Amino acid sequence: MIRLIVRIDDAGMAANVGGPVQTTYRTFDIEHPELEEALQSFNLNYRSIVGAEIVKAEPEKEPTR
């Protein structure tokens, strides 16, 4: 199992009224054997996830007539 920790920085109040940036965290536990294997550390190796991207599915195209 992998535990992902997502940091959320909300600058809405800072941008609008000069308030502080609000930081919250959410955790997600997922099963992904391939990713777990890729992240396994051995001896002096250190591995981490350095980014993430939301990949949206392509909308289905209408068949041409």
C-alpha atoms as a PDB file:
ATOM      1  CA  MET A   1       0.000   0.000   0.000  1.00  0.00           C
ATOM      2  CA  ILE A   2       1.144   3.534  -0.746  1.00  0.00           C
ATOM      3  CA  ARG A   3       0.092   6.551   1.273  1.00  0.00           C
ATOM      4  CA  LEU A   4      -0.053   9.720  -0.799  1.00  0.00           C
ATOM      5  CA  ILE A   5      -0.011  13.019   1.053  1.00  0.00           C
ATOM      6  CA  VAL A   6      -1.410  15.969  -0.877  1.00  0.00           C
ATOM      7  CA  ARG A   7      -0.615  19.506   0.289  1.00  0.00           C
ATOM      8  CA  ILE A   8      -3.210  22.122  -0.613  1.00  0.00           C
ATOM      9  CA  ASP A   9      -2.223  25.814  -0.424  1.00  0.00           C
ATOM     10  CA  ASP A  10      -5.231  28.130  -0.688  1.00  0.00           C
ATOM     11  CA  ALA A  11      -4.168  31.730  -1.334  1.00  0.00           C
ATOM     12  CA  GLY A  12      -7.702  33.061  -1.837  1.00  0.00           C
ATOM     13  CA  MET A  13      -7.799  35.086   1.387  1.00  0.00           C
ATOM     14  CA  ALA A  14      -4.252  36.346   0.839  1.00  0.00           C
ATOM     15  CA  ALA A  15      -5.116  37.566  -2.642  1.00  0.00           C
ATOM     16  CA  ASN A  16      -8.439  39.159  -1.692  1.00  0.00           C
ATOM     17  CA  VAL A  17      -8.118  40.574   1.838  1.00  0.00           C
ATOM     18  CA  GLY A  18      -4.459  40.194   2.815  1.00  0.00           C
ATOM     19  CA  GLY A  19      -5.067  37.158   5.017  1.00  0.00           C
ATOM     20  CA  PRO A  20      -2.752  34.174   5.427  1.00  0.00           C
ATOM     21  CA  VAL A  21      -2.301  31.362   2.937  1.00  0.00           C
ATOM     22  CA  GLN A  22      -4.245  28.384   4.297  1.00  0.00           C
ATOM     23  CA  THR A  23      -2.396  25.060   4.058  1.00  0.00           C
ATOM     24  CA  THR A  24      -4.190  21.743   4.521  1.00  0.00           C
ATOM     25  CA  TYR A  25      -3.174  18.149   3.899  1.00  0.00           C
ATOM     26  CA  ARG A  26      -5.156  15.145   2.644  1.00  0.00           C
ATOM     27  CA  THR A  27      -3.981  11.562   2.655  1.00  0.00           C
ATOM     28  CA  PHE A  28      -4.948   8.762   0.291  1.00  0.00           C
ATOM     29  CA  ASP A  29      -4.062   5.092   0.714  1.00  0.00           C
ATOM     30  CA  ILE A  30      -3.870   3.271  -2.605  1.00  0.00           C
ATOM     31  CA  GLU A  31      -2.901  -0.171  -3.843  1.00  0.00           C
ATOM     32  CA  HIS A  32      -0.581   0.034  -6.843  1.00  0.00           C
ATOM     33  CA  PRO A  33       1.973  -2.810  -6.925  1.00  0.00           C
ATOM     34  CA  GLU A  34       3.956  -1.433  -9.891  1.00  0.00           C
ATOM     35  CA  LEU A  35       4.389   1.965  -8.235  1.00  0.00           C
ATOM     36  CA  GLU A  36       5.280   0.352  -4.904  1.00  0.00           C
ATOM     37  CA  GLU A  37       7.978  -1.663  -6.642  1.00  0.00           C
ATOM     38  CA  ALA A  38       9.351   1.431  -8.391  1.00  0.00           C
ATOM     39  CA  LEU A  39       9.536   3.327  -5.077  1.00  0.00           C
ATOM     40  CA  GLN A  40      11.328   0.602  -3.102  1.00  0.00           C
ATOM     41  CA  SER A  41      14.600   1.968  -1.693  1.00  0.00           C
ATOM     42  CA  PHE A  42      17.699  -0.175  -1.349  1.00  0.00           C
ATOM     43  CA  ASN A  43      20.839   0.743   0.580  1.00  0.00           C
ATOM     44  CA  LEU A  44      21.868   4.244  -0.497  1.00  0.00           C
ATOM     45  CA  ASN A  45      19.120   4.758  -3.087  1.00  0.00           C
ATOM     46  CA  TYR A  46      16.333   7.199  -2.320  1.00  0.00           C
ATOM     47  CA  ARG A  47      13.251   7.404  -4.497  1.00  0.00           C
ATOM     48  CA  SER A  48      10.282   9.734  -4.355  1.00  0.00           C
ATOM     49  CA  ILE A  49       7.433  11.048  -6.452  1.00  0.00           C
ATOM     50  CA  VAL A  50       8.397  14.498  -7.726  1.00  0.00           C
ATOM     51  CA  GLY A  51       5.200  15.494  -9.458  1.00  0.00           C
ATOM     52  CA  ALA A  52       1.731  14.495 -10.491  1.00  0.00           C
ATOM     53  CA  GLU A  53      -0.552  15.434 -13.326  1.00  0.00           C
ATOM     54  CA  ILE A  54      -4.251  14.978 -13.980  1.00  0.00           C
ATOM     55  CA  VAL A  55      -4.628  13.378 -17.397  1.00  0.00           C
ATOM     56  CA  LYS A  56      -8.136  13.831 -18.707  1.00  0.00           C
ATOM     57  CA  ALA A  57      -9.614  11.323 -21.109  1.00  0.00           C
ATOM     58  CA  GLU A  58     -10.153  12.488 -24.662  1.00  0.00           C
ATOM     59  CA  PRO A  59     -13.835  13.135 -25.360  1.00  0.00           C
ATOM     60  CA  GLU A  60     -15.328  10.516 -27.644  1.00  0.00           C
ATOM     61  CA  LYS A  61     -15.637  11.782 -31.204  1.00  0.00           C
ATOM     62  CA  GLU A  62     -18.813  11.488 -33.194  1.00  0.00           C
ATOM     63  CA  PRO A  63     -18.450   9.038 -36.062  1.00  0.00           C
ATOM     64  CA  THR A  64     -18.153  10.771 -39.407  1.00  0.00           C
ATOM     65  CA  ARG A  65     -20.811   9.965 -41.991  1.00  0.00           C
END
